[in-house]
Amino acid sequence: MNMKILLKICLHIILLLWFEQVLHDVSAGTNPTSASDANLMFEILLGGVELDQDNNIILLDKELASMRPGRAFLSQINDNIPRSVSAMMQMVTTFEGPRERPLTQDQFEKLVLSMVYSAHRTWHQDEGEEQENWGGVLLQLANITVHELRGGYLFSYD
């Protein structure tokens, strides 16, 4: 299957899972900031993001980038997310390992932001091995996310 098609499928899964979790949290009243977080993510996606020459994410909406929530998002994604395929694979291995407890909120946010970063890197790579590598990382991160939310994996790598 073409990598662009796989990427589109994976992005739809990510958005579906993320919106499902936000709606669940809001309806349960467990996280009252989820609605504002959802609005912020929508604004970020609508405004667009790019990678600079150092592989840092930058927001194209300069107003959002200058506001506290935008700066917090940029800080979190640029300071806490691995930037190479090998570093992402180490994180995947850590998250895939046996755990007695679900991921913490910080770990889950890191997982989701890593998917966003991996999707962006996959989308903007030229066809070839590098795009395949980032696409593979993206699928594994999506698989871990589904397991975390639903208790089962989308894909089996056995």
Protein backbone atom coordinates (compact mmCIF):
# COMPACT_ATOMS: atom_id res chain seq x y z
CA MET A 1 0.00 0.00 0.00
CA ASN A 2 1.26 3.48 -0.84
CA MET A 3 2.85 5.33 2.11
CA LYS A 4 0.69 8.44 1.52
CA ILE A 5 -2.47 6.34 1.82
CA LEU A 6 -1.18 4.66 4.99
CA LEU A 7 -0.32 8.07 6.40
CA LYS A 8 -3.80 9.44 5.70
CA ILE A 9 -5.37 6.39 7.36
CA CYS A 10 -3.10 6.77 10.37
CA LEU A 11 -3.86 10.49 10.71
CA HIS A 12 -7.58 9.77 10.63
CA ILE A 13 -7.12 7.15 13.36
CA ILE A 14 -5.09 9.59 15.48
CA LEU A 15 -7.71 12.32 15.17
CA LEU A 16 -10.55 9.87 15.83
CA LEU A 17 -8.89 8.51 18.96
CA TRP A 18 -7.94 11.94 20.21
CA PHE A 19 -11.43 13.39 19.71
CA GLU A 20 -12.99 10.27 21.26
CA GLN A 21 -10.83 10.68 24.36
CA VAL A 22 -11.57 14.41 24.62
CA LEU A 23 -15.31 13.84 24.28
CA HIS A 24 -15.18 11.04 26.84
CA ASP A 25 -13.31 13.25 29.32
CA VAL A 26 -15.66 16.19 28.82
CA SER A 27 -18.80 14.06 29.15
CA ALA A 28 -17.44 12.36 32.27
CA GLY A 29 -16.42 15.70 33.75
CA THR A 30 -13.00 14.25 34.58
CA ASN A 31 -10.94 16.90 32.82
CA PRO A 32 -12.65 20.26 32.52
CA THR A 33 -9.84 21.72 30.39
CA SER A 34 -10.27 19.13 27.65
CA ALA A 35 -12.65 21.31 25.65
CA SER A 36 -10.18 24.21 25.65
CA ASP A 37 -7.36 21.77 24.82
CA ALA A 38 -9.42 20.51 21.87
CA ASN A 39 -10.00 24.06 20.67
CA LEU A 40 -6.28 24.82 20.96
CA MET A 41 -5.33 21.70 18.97
CA PHE A 42 -7.89 22.64 16.32
CA GLU A 43 -6.43 26.16 16.07
CA ILE A 44 -2.91 24.76 15.78
CA LEU A 45 -3.94 22.32 13.04
CA LEU A 46 -5.93 25.01 11.23
CA GLY A 47 -3.06 27.50 11.41
CA GLY A 48 -0.52 24.93 10.24
CA VAL A 49 2.92 23.85 11.38
CA GLU A 50 6.29 23.54 9.67
CA LEU A 51 9.71 22.16 10.46
CA ASP A 52 12.57 24.63 10.55
CA GLN A 53 16.16 23.80 9.55
CA ASP A 54 16.83 22.33 13.05
CA ASN A 55 13.74 20.06 12.83
CA ASN A 56 11.87 22.17 15.37
CA ILE A 57 8.13 22.56 14.92
CA ILE A 58 7.06 26.15 14.28
CA LEU A 59 3.51 27.47 14.19
CA LEU A 60 2.56 29.32 11.03
CA ASP A 61 -0.02 31.37 12.95
CA LYS A 62 2.35 33.97 14.47
CA GLU A 63 -0.34 35.28 16.84
CA LEU A 64 -0.96 31.80 18.28
CA ALA A 65 2.79 31.18 18.46
CA SER A 66 3.22 34.31 20.60
CA MET A 67 0.46 33.43 23.07
CA ARG A 68 1.07 31.35 26.20
CA PRO A 69 -0.76 28.19 24.97
CA GLY A 70 1.13 28.30 21.68
CA ARG A 71 4.47 28.77 23.40
CA ALA A 72 3.64 25.92 25.82
CA PHE A 73 2.78 23.62 22.90
CA LEU A 74 6.00 24.51 21.07
CA SER A 75 8.05 24.01 24.20
CA GLN A 76 6.50 20.65 24.89
CA ILE A 77 6.84 19.29 21.36
CA ASN A 78 10.29 20.77 20.64
CA ASP A 79 11.87 20.01 24.02
CA ASN A 80 10.36 16.62 24.92
CA ILE A 81 9.91 14.73 21.66
CA PRO A 82 12.68 12.64 20.08
CA ARG A 83 13.86 13.98 16.71
CA SER A 84 15.41 10.93 15.09
CA VAL A 85 13.97 7.62 13.95
CA SER A 86 16.33 5.71 16.28
CA ALA A 87 15.34 7.83 19.31
CA MET A 88 11.65 7.39 18.44
CA MET A 89 12.18 3.62 18.20
CA GLN A 90 13.71 3.62 21.69
CA MET A 91 10.63 5.42 22.97
CA VAL A 92 8.37 2.93 21.15
CA THR A 93 10.24 0.05 22.79
CA THR A 94 9.79 1.66 26.21
CA PHE A 95 6.05 2.21 25.71
CA GLU A 96 5.50 -1.26 24.22
CA GLY A 97 7.17 -3.02 27.12
CA PRO A 98 5.09 -4.73 29.78
CA ARG A 99 3.59 -2.26 32.27
CA GLU A 100 1.56 -2.76 35.39
CA ARG A 101 -0.18 0.62 35.03
CA PRO A 102 -1.50 2.74 32.18
CA LEU A 103 0.63 5.58 30.91
CA THR A 104 0.59 8.74 32.98
CA GLN A 105 -0.98 11.84 31.46
CA ASP A 106 2.48 13.25 30.68
CA GLN A 107 3.54 9.99 29.00
CA PHE A 108 0.31 9.86 27.00
CA GLU A 109 0.75 13.48 25.86
CA LYS A 110 4.32 12.66 24.82
CA LEU A 111 3.00 9.67 22.88
CA VAL A 112 0.38 11.76 21.04
CA LEU A 113 2.79 14.61 20.30
CA SER A 114 5.32 12.06 19.02
CA MET A 115 2.66 10.81 16.62
CA VAL A 116 2.04 14.37 15.43
CA TYR A 117 5.78 14.93 14.92
CA SER A 118 6.21 11.56 13.18
CA ALA A 119 3.23 12.23 10.91
CA HIS A 120 4.68 15.59 9.95
CA ARG A 121 8.11 14.10 9.27
CA THR A 122 6.58 11.26 7.23
CA TRP A 123 4.45 13.62 5.18
CA HIS A 124 7.35 15.91 4.31
CA GLN A 125 9.94 13.27 3.47
CA ASP A 126 10.70 12.48 -0.14
CA GLU A 127 9.58 9.03 -1.26
CA GLY A 128 12.07 6.46 -0.08
CA GLU A 129 13.63 4.77 2.89
CA GLU A 130 13.44 7.76 5.25
CA GLN A 131 9.71 8.16 4.61
CA GLU A 132 9.21 4.42 5.16
CA ASN A 133 11.13 4.59 8.45
CA TRP A 134 9.10 7.54 9.78
CA GLY A 135 5.88 5.92 8.54
CA GLY A 136 6.77 2.73 10.42
CA VAL A 137 7.38 4.69 13.62
CA LEU A 138 4.07 6.49 13.14
CA LEU A 139 2.15 3.23 12.76
CA GLN A 140 3.77 1.78 15.88
CA LEU A 141 2.94 4.91 17.90
CA ALA A 142 -0.67 4.74 16.68
CA ASN A 143 -0.77 1.08 17.65
CA ILE A 144 0.44 1.87 21.17
CA THR A 145 -2.14 4.66 21.46
CA VAL A 146 -4.96 2.33 20.45
CA HIS A 147 -3.73 -0.23 22.97
CA GLU A 148 -3.61 2.41 25.69
CA LEU A 149 -7.15 3.61 24.97
CA ARG A 150 -8.85 0.35 24.05
CA GLY A 151 -6.73 -2.46 25.50
CA GLY A 152 -5.95 -4.12 22.15
CA TYR A 153 -3.60 -3.44 19.28
CA LEU A 154 -4.59 -2.47 15.72
CA PHE A 155 -1.65 -4.35 14.21
CA SER A 156 0.30 -7.41 15.31
CA TYR A 157 3.97 -7.46 14.39
CA ASP A 158 4.48 -11.18 15.07
